[in-house]
N, C-alpha and C. Protein backbone atom coordinates (compact mmCIF):
# COMPACT_ATOMS: atom_id res chain seq x y z
N MET A 1 21.12 -8.82 13.31
CA MET A 1 22.53 -8.74 12.99
C MET A 1 22.78 -7.41 12.28
N PRO A 2 23.75 -6.65 12.72
CA PRO A 2 24.06 -5.37 12.08
C PRO A 2 24.59 -5.60 10.66
N PRO A 3 24.41 -4.62 9.78
CA PRO A 3 24.90 -4.78 8.41
C PRO A 3 26.41 -4.88 8.37
N SER A 4 26.88 -5.67 7.41
CA SER A 4 28.32 -5.81 7.24
C SER A 4 28.89 -4.51 6.68
N LYS A 5 30.21 -4.43 6.75
CA LYS A 5 30.89 -3.24 6.23
C LYS A 5 30.57 -3.07 4.74
N GLN A 6 30.54 -4.18 3.99
CA GLN A 6 30.24 -4.11 2.55
C GLN A 6 28.80 -3.66 2.32
N GLU A 7 27.85 -4.17 3.10
CA GLU A 7 26.45 -3.77 2.95
C GLU A 7 26.28 -2.28 3.26
N LYS A 8 26.96 -1.82 4.29
CA LYS A 8 26.89 -0.41 4.65
C LYS A 8 27.50 0.44 3.53
N GLN A 9 28.63 0.02 2.97
CA GLN A 9 29.28 0.74 1.88
C GLN A 9 28.37 0.78 0.66
N ASP A 10 27.74 -0.37 0.30
CA ASP A 10 26.84 -0.42 -0.84
C ASP A 10 25.68 0.55 -0.65
N SER A 11 25.13 0.62 0.55
CA SER A 11 24.02 1.51 0.84
C SER A 11 24.45 2.97 0.71
N GLU A 12 25.60 3.30 1.22
CA GLU A 12 26.10 4.67 1.14
C GLU A 12 26.43 5.06 -0.29
N ASP A 13 26.91 4.10 -1.10
CA ASP A 13 27.25 4.40 -2.49
C ASP A 13 26.03 4.86 -3.29
N GLU A 14 24.86 4.37 -2.96
CA GLU A 14 23.65 4.78 -3.66
C GLU A 14 23.45 6.28 -3.60
N PHE A 15 23.88 6.90 -2.50
CA PHE A 15 23.69 8.33 -2.33
C PHE A 15 24.81 9.15 -2.97
N THR A 16 25.78 8.48 -3.60
CA THR A 16 26.87 9.22 -4.23
C THR A 16 26.55 9.56 -5.67
N PHE A 17 25.58 8.91 -6.28
CA PHE A 17 25.27 9.15 -7.68
C PHE A 17 24.49 10.45 -7.84
N LEU A 18 24.98 11.29 -8.73
CA LEU A 18 24.35 12.58 -8.96
C LEU A 18 22.91 12.42 -9.41
N THR A 19 22.63 11.45 -10.27
CA THR A 19 21.25 11.26 -10.75
C THR A 19 20.31 10.97 -9.59
N PHE A 20 20.75 10.18 -8.65
CA PHE A 20 19.93 9.86 -7.48
C PHE A 20 19.68 11.11 -6.65
N LYS A 21 20.73 11.87 -6.40
CA LYS A 21 20.61 13.08 -5.60
C LYS A 21 19.71 14.11 -6.28
N LEU A 22 19.93 14.31 -7.57
CA LEU A 22 19.11 15.28 -8.30
C LEU A 22 17.64 14.87 -8.32
N ASP A 23 17.39 13.58 -8.46
CA ASP A 23 16.01 13.10 -8.46
C ASP A 23 15.33 13.36 -7.11
N LEU A 24 16.04 13.10 -6.02
CA LEU A 24 15.47 13.37 -4.70
C LEU A 24 15.17 14.86 -4.52
N ILE A 25 16.12 15.70 -4.90
CA ILE A 25 15.95 17.15 -4.77
C ILE A 25 14.78 17.61 -5.63
N LYS A 26 14.75 17.17 -6.89
CA LYS A 26 13.69 17.56 -7.82
C LYS A 26 12.33 17.15 -7.30
N THR A 27 12.22 15.92 -6.84
CA THR A 27 10.93 15.41 -6.37
C THR A 27 10.41 16.23 -5.19
N ASP A 28 11.28 16.52 -4.24
CA ASP A 28 10.86 17.29 -3.08
C ASP A 28 10.52 18.73 -3.45
N MET A 29 11.36 19.35 -4.27
CA MET A 29 11.10 20.74 -4.65
C MET A 29 9.82 20.87 -5.47
N ILE A 30 9.58 19.96 -6.38
CA ILE A 30 8.37 20.02 -7.20
C ILE A 30 7.14 19.78 -6.34
N SER A 31 7.23 18.87 -5.41
CA SER A 31 6.10 18.61 -4.52
C SER A 31 5.72 19.87 -3.74
N ARG A 32 6.70 20.55 -3.20
CA ARG A 32 6.44 21.80 -2.48
C ARG A 32 5.90 22.88 -3.41
N ALA A 33 6.50 22.99 -4.59
CA ALA A 33 6.07 24.01 -5.54
C ALA A 33 4.66 23.73 -6.06
N ASP A 34 4.35 22.47 -6.35
CA ASP A 34 3.00 22.12 -6.82
C ASP A 34 1.94 22.63 -5.85
N ALA A 35 2.14 22.39 -4.58
CA ALA A 35 1.15 22.82 -3.58
C ALA A 35 0.96 24.33 -3.62
N ALA A 36 2.05 25.07 -3.72
CA ALA A 36 1.97 26.53 -3.74
C ALA A 36 1.35 27.04 -5.04
N TYR A 37 1.75 26.47 -6.18
CA TYR A 37 1.22 26.93 -7.46
C TYR A 37 -0.27 26.60 -7.60
N VAL A 38 -0.66 25.42 -7.17
CA VAL A 38 -2.07 25.05 -7.25
C VAL A 38 -2.90 25.99 -6.39
N ALA A 39 -2.39 26.33 -5.21
CA ALA A 39 -3.11 27.27 -4.34
C ALA A 39 -3.21 28.65 -4.99
N LEU A 40 -2.18 29.07 -5.70
CA LEU A 40 -2.17 30.39 -6.32
C LEU A 40 -3.05 30.46 -7.56
N CYS A 41 -2.85 29.50 -8.48
CA CYS A 41 -3.49 29.63 -9.79
C CYS A 41 -4.16 28.35 -10.30
N GLY A 42 -4.15 27.30 -9.51
CA GLY A 42 -4.81 26.07 -9.92
C GLY A 42 -4.02 25.23 -10.92
N LEU A 43 -2.75 25.56 -11.12
CA LEU A 43 -1.91 24.81 -12.06
C LEU A 43 -0.71 24.22 -11.34
N ASP A 44 -0.33 23.00 -11.73
CA ASP A 44 0.87 22.40 -11.15
C ASP A 44 2.09 22.79 -11.99
N VAL A 45 3.24 22.33 -11.56
CA VAL A 45 4.50 22.70 -12.20
C VAL A 45 4.51 22.30 -13.68
N ARG A 46 4.01 21.13 -14.00
CA ARG A 46 4.04 20.65 -15.39
C ARG A 46 3.19 21.55 -16.30
N LYS A 47 1.99 21.90 -15.85
CA LYS A 47 1.12 22.76 -16.66
C LYS A 47 1.74 24.16 -16.79
N LEU A 48 2.35 24.63 -15.73
CA LEU A 48 3.01 25.93 -15.81
C LEU A 48 4.21 25.89 -16.75
N ARG A 49 4.91 24.77 -16.80
CA ARG A 49 6.03 24.63 -17.74
C ARG A 49 5.53 24.81 -19.17
N VAL A 50 4.40 24.18 -19.48
CA VAL A 50 3.82 24.30 -20.82
C VAL A 50 3.38 25.74 -21.07
N LEU A 51 2.69 26.34 -20.11
CA LEU A 51 2.23 27.71 -20.27
C LEU A 51 3.42 28.66 -20.47
N ARG A 52 4.47 28.47 -19.72
CA ARG A 52 5.65 29.34 -19.84
C ARG A 52 6.27 29.26 -21.23
N ILE A 53 6.37 28.07 -21.77
CA ILE A 53 6.93 27.91 -23.12
C ILE A 53 6.07 28.65 -24.14
N ILE A 54 4.76 28.52 -24.01
CA ILE A 54 3.85 29.20 -24.94
C ILE A 54 3.95 30.71 -24.79
N CYS A 55 4.10 31.18 -23.57
CA CYS A 55 4.23 32.63 -23.33
C CYS A 55 5.54 33.18 -23.90
N VAL A 56 6.59 32.41 -23.81
CA VAL A 56 7.90 32.85 -24.31
C VAL A 56 7.95 32.79 -25.83
N GLU A 57 7.22 31.85 -26.41
CA GLU A 57 7.27 31.63 -27.86
C GLU A 57 5.85 31.57 -28.43
N PRO A 58 5.15 32.71 -28.45
CA PRO A 58 3.78 32.71 -28.97
C PRO A 58 3.73 32.16 -30.40
N GLY A 59 2.73 31.33 -30.68
CA GLY A 59 2.60 30.72 -31.99
C GLY A 59 3.32 29.39 -32.12
N VAL A 60 3.91 28.92 -31.04
CA VAL A 60 4.65 27.66 -31.03
C VAL A 60 3.71 26.50 -31.33
N THR A 61 4.23 25.44 -31.92
CA THR A 61 3.42 24.25 -32.19
C THR A 61 3.50 23.29 -31.00
N ALA A 62 2.54 22.39 -30.92
CA ALA A 62 2.52 21.39 -29.85
C ALA A 62 3.77 20.50 -29.93
N SER A 63 4.22 20.19 -31.13
CA SER A 63 5.43 19.36 -31.27
C SER A 63 6.63 20.05 -30.66
N SER A 64 6.73 21.34 -30.88
CA SER A 64 7.85 22.08 -30.31
C SER A 64 7.73 22.16 -28.79
N VAL A 65 6.51 22.37 -28.28
CA VAL A 65 6.32 22.39 -26.83
C VAL A 65 6.70 21.04 -26.23
N SER A 66 6.33 19.96 -26.90
CA SER A 66 6.67 18.62 -26.43
C SER A 66 8.18 18.44 -26.34
N ARG A 67 8.89 18.87 -27.37
CA ARG A 67 10.36 18.75 -27.37
C ARG A 67 10.98 19.61 -26.27
N GLN A 68 10.51 20.83 -26.13
CA GLN A 68 11.10 21.74 -25.14
C GLN A 68 10.79 21.36 -23.71
N SER A 69 9.61 20.79 -23.50
CA SER A 69 9.18 20.48 -22.13
C SER A 69 9.51 19.05 -21.72
N LEU A 70 9.90 18.23 -22.69
CA LEU A 70 10.15 16.81 -22.45
C LEU A 70 8.89 16.10 -21.95
N ILE A 71 7.74 16.54 -22.46
CA ILE A 71 6.46 15.92 -22.12
C ILE A 71 5.96 15.18 -23.36
N GLU A 72 5.61 13.93 -23.18
CA GLU A 72 5.13 13.08 -24.26
C GLU A 72 3.84 13.69 -24.83
N LYS A 73 3.64 13.53 -26.15
CA LYS A 73 2.56 14.23 -26.85
C LYS A 73 1.16 13.90 -26.33
N THR A 74 0.90 12.65 -25.95
CA THR A 74 -0.43 12.30 -25.44
C THR A 74 -0.73 13.04 -24.15
N LEU A 75 0.22 13.06 -23.23
CA LEU A 75 0.04 13.80 -21.99
C LEU A 75 -0.04 15.29 -22.27
N LEU A 76 0.80 15.79 -23.16
CA LEU A 76 0.78 17.20 -23.50
C LEU A 76 -0.60 17.61 -24.04
N SER A 77 -1.20 16.76 -24.83
CA SER A 77 -2.53 17.05 -25.36
C SER A 77 -3.55 17.27 -24.25
N LYS A 78 -3.48 16.47 -23.22
CA LYS A 78 -4.38 16.62 -22.07
C LYS A 78 -4.10 17.93 -21.32
N LEU A 79 -2.83 18.24 -21.14
CA LEU A 79 -2.46 19.48 -20.46
C LEU A 79 -2.92 20.70 -21.27
N LEU A 80 -2.71 20.65 -22.57
CA LEU A 80 -3.14 21.75 -23.42
C LEU A 80 -4.66 21.92 -23.40
N ALA A 81 -5.38 20.80 -23.40
CA ALA A 81 -6.84 20.88 -23.34
C ALA A 81 -7.30 21.63 -22.10
N GLU A 82 -6.64 21.38 -20.97
CA GLU A 82 -7.02 22.09 -19.75
C GLU A 82 -6.66 23.57 -19.83
N LEU A 83 -5.48 23.88 -20.35
CA LEU A 83 -5.08 25.28 -20.47
C LEU A 83 -6.01 26.04 -21.43
N ILE A 84 -6.45 25.39 -22.49
CA ILE A 84 -7.37 26.00 -23.44
C ILE A 84 -8.75 26.16 -22.80
N GLN A 85 -9.20 25.13 -22.10
CA GLN A 85 -10.51 25.18 -21.44
C GLN A 85 -10.55 26.29 -20.41
N ARG A 86 -9.44 26.52 -19.73
CA ARG A 86 -9.37 27.59 -18.72
C ARG A 86 -9.08 28.95 -19.33
N LYS A 87 -9.00 28.98 -20.67
CA LYS A 87 -8.77 30.22 -21.42
C LYS A 87 -7.44 30.89 -21.08
N LEU A 88 -6.44 30.07 -20.80
CA LEU A 88 -5.08 30.57 -20.58
C LEU A 88 -4.26 30.50 -21.86
N VAL A 89 -4.71 29.64 -22.77
CA VAL A 89 -4.06 29.42 -24.06
C VAL A 89 -5.16 29.31 -25.11
N ARG A 90 -4.86 29.79 -26.31
CA ARG A 90 -5.76 29.55 -27.44
C ARG A 90 -4.95 28.91 -28.55
N ARG A 91 -5.66 28.22 -29.43
CA ARG A 91 -4.94 27.59 -30.54
C ARG A 91 -5.58 27.99 -31.85
N THR A 92 -4.75 28.09 -32.86
CA THR A 92 -5.20 28.41 -34.20
C THR A 92 -4.56 27.42 -35.17
N VAL A 93 -5.20 27.27 -36.32
CA VAL A 93 -4.63 26.40 -37.36
C VAL A 93 -3.38 27.08 -37.89
N HIS A 94 -2.32 26.30 -38.05
CA HIS A 94 -1.05 26.83 -38.55
C HIS A 94 -1.26 27.29 -40.00
N PRO A 95 -0.85 28.52 -40.33
CA PRO A 95 -1.10 29.04 -41.68
C PRO A 95 -0.36 28.29 -42.79
N ASP A 96 0.75 27.63 -42.44
CA ASP A 96 1.54 26.91 -43.45
C ASP A 96 1.17 25.44 -43.57
N ASP A 97 0.48 24.91 -42.57
CA ASP A 97 0.16 23.48 -42.57
C ASP A 97 -1.06 23.25 -41.69
N ALA A 98 -2.19 23.02 -42.30
CA ALA A 98 -3.46 22.88 -41.57
C ALA A 98 -3.48 21.65 -40.65
N ARG A 99 -2.50 20.78 -40.78
CA ARG A 99 -2.44 19.62 -39.88
C ARG A 99 -1.90 19.99 -38.51
N HIS A 100 -1.33 21.19 -38.39
CA HIS A 100 -0.71 21.63 -37.14
C HIS A 100 -1.45 22.84 -36.58
N PHE A 101 -1.31 23.00 -35.27
CA PHE A 101 -1.89 24.15 -34.58
C PHE A 101 -0.78 25.00 -34.01
N GLN A 102 -1.07 26.28 -33.90
CA GLN A 102 -0.19 27.19 -33.19
C GLN A 102 -0.84 27.50 -31.85
N LEU A 103 -0.03 27.68 -30.83
CA LEU A 103 -0.52 27.94 -29.48
C LEU A 103 -0.12 29.34 -29.06
N TRP A 104 -1.09 30.04 -28.49
CA TRP A 104 -0.91 31.45 -28.13
C TRP A 104 -1.35 31.66 -26.69
N PRO A 105 -0.60 32.45 -25.94
CA PRO A 105 -1.07 32.78 -24.58
C PRO A 105 -2.20 33.81 -24.67
N THR A 106 -3.15 33.71 -23.80
CA THR A 106 -4.18 34.74 -23.68
C THR A 106 -3.71 35.77 -22.66
N PRO A 107 -4.38 36.91 -22.57
CA PRO A 107 -4.00 37.86 -21.52
C PRO A 107 -4.07 37.21 -20.13
N ALA A 108 -5.08 36.36 -19.90
CA ALA A 108 -5.18 35.66 -18.61
C ALA A 108 -4.00 34.72 -18.42
N GLY A 109 -3.57 34.05 -19.49
CA GLY A 109 -2.41 33.15 -19.41
C GLY A 109 -1.13 33.91 -19.08
N LEU A 110 -0.97 35.08 -19.67
CA LEU A 110 0.20 35.91 -19.37
C LEU A 110 0.19 36.36 -17.92
N ARG A 111 -0.99 36.71 -17.39
CA ARG A 111 -1.08 37.12 -15.98
C ARG A 111 -0.72 35.96 -15.06
N VAL A 112 -1.25 34.78 -15.35
CA VAL A 112 -0.95 33.60 -14.52
C VAL A 112 0.54 33.30 -14.57
N ARG A 113 1.12 33.37 -15.77
CA ARG A 113 2.56 33.13 -15.90
C ARG A 113 3.36 34.11 -15.04
N ASP A 114 2.98 35.38 -15.09
CA ASP A 114 3.69 36.39 -14.30
C ASP A 114 3.55 36.15 -12.80
N GLN A 115 2.34 35.81 -12.35
CA GLN A 115 2.12 35.51 -10.93
C GLN A 115 2.94 34.30 -10.50
N ALA A 116 2.92 33.26 -11.34
CA ALA A 116 3.65 32.03 -11.02
C ALA A 116 5.16 32.29 -11.02
N HIS A 117 5.61 33.15 -11.91
CA HIS A 117 7.04 33.47 -11.97
C HIS A 117 7.49 34.14 -10.68
N GLU A 118 6.70 35.08 -10.21
CA GLU A 118 7.02 35.77 -8.96
C GLU A 118 7.03 34.79 -7.79
N LEU A 119 6.01 33.92 -7.74
CA LEU A 119 5.95 32.92 -6.67
C LEU A 119 7.14 31.96 -6.77
N GLY A 120 7.51 31.57 -7.97
CA GLY A 120 8.64 30.66 -8.16
C GLY A 120 9.93 31.22 -7.59
N ARG A 121 10.17 32.51 -7.80
CA ARG A 121 11.36 33.14 -7.23
C ARG A 121 11.34 33.07 -5.70
N LYS A 122 10.18 33.34 -5.12
CA LYS A 122 10.05 33.30 -3.66
C LYS A 122 10.25 31.88 -3.14
N LEU A 123 9.65 30.90 -3.83
CA LEU A 123 9.77 29.51 -3.39
C LEU A 123 11.22 29.04 -3.42
N GLU A 124 11.92 29.34 -4.51
CA GLU A 124 13.32 28.93 -4.59
C GLU A 124 14.13 29.57 -3.48
N ASP A 125 13.87 30.83 -3.23
CA ASP A 125 14.59 31.52 -2.16
C ASP A 125 14.30 30.86 -0.81
N GLU A 126 13.02 30.57 -0.55
CA GLU A 126 12.65 29.93 0.72
C GLU A 126 13.27 28.55 0.87
N MET A 127 13.33 27.80 -0.23
CA MET A 127 13.86 26.44 -0.15
C MET A 127 15.38 26.39 -0.07
N LEU A 128 16.04 27.32 -0.75
CA LEU A 128 17.50 27.24 -0.87
C LEU A 128 18.27 28.16 0.08
N SER A 129 17.69 29.30 0.43
CA SER A 129 18.48 30.24 1.23
C SER A 129 18.86 29.73 2.62
N PRO A 130 18.07 28.86 3.26
CA PRO A 130 18.56 28.34 4.54
C PRO A 130 19.79 27.44 4.41
N LEU A 131 20.03 26.94 3.19
CA LEU A 131 21.11 25.97 2.98
C LEU A 131 22.30 26.55 2.23
N LEU A 132 22.04 27.48 1.33
CA LEU A 132 23.08 27.98 0.45
C LEU A 132 23.16 29.50 0.54
N THR A 133 24.37 30.02 0.47
CA THR A 133 24.54 31.47 0.42
C THR A 133 24.09 31.96 -0.95
N ARG A 134 23.97 33.26 -1.08
CA ARG A 134 23.58 33.86 -2.37
C ARG A 134 24.59 33.46 -3.45
N ASP A 135 25.87 33.51 -3.13
CA ASP A 135 26.90 33.14 -4.10
C ASP A 135 26.80 31.66 -4.47
N GLU A 136 26.54 30.81 -3.49
CA GLU A 136 26.39 29.38 -3.78
C GLU A 136 25.16 29.13 -4.67
N ARG A 137 24.07 29.84 -4.42
CA ARG A 137 22.87 29.68 -5.26
C ARG A 137 23.17 30.14 -6.69
N LYS A 138 23.92 31.22 -6.81
CA LYS A 138 24.29 31.72 -8.13
C LYS A 138 25.17 30.70 -8.86
N THR A 139 26.14 30.14 -8.15
CA THR A 139 27.02 29.12 -8.73
C THR A 139 26.22 27.88 -9.12
N LEU A 140 25.33 27.45 -8.24
CA LEU A 140 24.48 26.30 -8.56
C LEU A 140 23.66 26.58 -9.82
N GLY A 141 23.09 27.76 -9.91
CA GLY A 141 22.32 28.13 -11.11
C GLY A 141 23.16 28.05 -12.37
N HIS A 142 24.38 28.56 -12.31
CA HIS A 142 25.27 28.51 -13.48
C HIS A 142 25.61 27.06 -13.86
N LEU A 143 25.89 26.24 -12.87
CA LEU A 143 26.22 24.83 -13.14
C LEU A 143 25.04 24.08 -13.74
N VAL A 144 23.87 24.30 -13.19
CA VAL A 144 22.67 23.64 -13.72
C VAL A 144 22.38 24.13 -15.14
N ASP A 145 22.52 25.44 -15.38
CA ASP A 145 22.33 25.96 -16.74
C ASP A 145 23.29 25.31 -17.72
N LYS A 146 24.53 25.12 -17.30
CA LYS A 146 25.54 24.49 -18.16
C LYS A 146 25.13 23.05 -18.49
N LEU A 147 24.69 22.31 -17.48
CA LEU A 147 24.22 20.94 -17.70
C LEU A 147 23.00 20.92 -18.61
N MET A 148 22.07 21.84 -18.38
CA MET A 148 20.86 21.89 -19.21
C MET A 148 21.21 22.12 -20.68
N ARG A 149 22.09 23.07 -20.94
CA ARG A 149 22.48 23.34 -22.33
C ARG A 149 23.06 22.08 -22.98
N MET A 150 23.90 21.38 -22.24
CA MET A 150 24.52 20.17 -22.78
C MET A 150 23.46 19.10 -23.07
N PHE A 151 22.57 18.87 -22.11
CA PHE A 151 21.58 17.82 -22.29
C PHE A 151 20.54 18.18 -23.34
N VAL A 152 20.16 19.44 -23.44
CA VAL A 152 19.22 19.85 -24.47
C VAL A 152 19.85 19.66 -25.85
N LYS A 153 21.12 20.04 -25.97
CA LYS A 153 21.83 19.87 -27.24
C LYS A 153 21.93 18.38 -27.59
N ASP A 154 22.26 17.54 -26.62
CA ASP A 154 22.35 16.10 -26.85
C ASP A 154 21.00 15.51 -27.23
N ALA A 155 19.94 15.96 -26.56
CA ALA A 155 18.60 15.45 -26.86
C ALA A 155 18.19 15.82 -28.28
N ALA A 156 18.50 17.04 -28.70
CA ALA A 156 18.18 17.46 -30.07
C ALA A 156 18.94 16.61 -31.08
N ARG A 157 20.21 16.34 -30.81
CA ARG A 157 21.02 15.50 -31.70
C ARG A 157 20.44 14.08 -31.77
N ASP A 158 20.04 13.55 -30.62
CA ASP A 158 19.47 12.20 -30.58
C ASP A 158 18.14 12.12 -31.36
N ARG A 159 17.31 13.17 -31.25
CA ARG A 159 16.03 13.19 -31.99
C ARG A 159 16.29 13.22 -33.49
N LEU A 160 17.27 14.03 -33.90
CA LEU A 160 17.62 14.12 -35.31
C LEU A 160 18.10 12.78 -35.83
N ALA A 161 18.94 12.10 -35.07
CA ALA A 161 19.45 10.78 -35.47
C ALA A 161 18.31 9.77 -35.54
N ALA A 162 17.39 9.83 -34.61
CA ALA A 162 16.25 8.90 -34.61
C ALA A 162 15.38 9.13 -35.85
N LYS A 163 15.18 10.39 -36.24
CA LYS A 163 14.39 10.68 -37.45
C LYS A 163 15.07 10.12 -38.69
N ARG A 164 16.38 10.22 -38.74
CA ARG A 164 17.12 9.71 -39.90
C ARG A 164 17.01 8.19 -40.01
N ASN A 165 16.88 7.52 -38.87
CA ASN A 165 16.81 6.07 -38.87
C ASN A 165 15.42 5.53 -39.16
N CYS A 166 14.43 6.40 -39.19
CA CYS A 166 13.04 5.96 -39.47
C CYS A 166 12.79 5.78 -40.92
């Protein structure tokens, strides 16, 4: 029996939600990028996200990397262990608080970040240029940046409120 008009409408409505669409796009793009990044430097998107944060903010703490990357601390610890073992990142005891570590990119980590950055630009172009004009890609970038700023600001506010309630 063919689906009823209501069943068909319900099914189509699932594809109207932005969160659903963004999740599908993200999953596919990350899957493609992971394969390319692993082939280039042996790191997936998540590990590169951590490395990039450390390269942009040398001396950053693991807590700050966790907040910026939205990666839970236990998982982040495993990712950092691999980056340190591969000598892409080094850690030192924080001079103000021996309970914390600072994370620093090594020269090898900076090289990997630069190579991955160049590949990332090419990958995005390959994935998006068949579908979007240069102007549309630029507009999409601006819109996503706007959303990111809003959600990062909201996440920071929520973390602060959660700390106050503890």
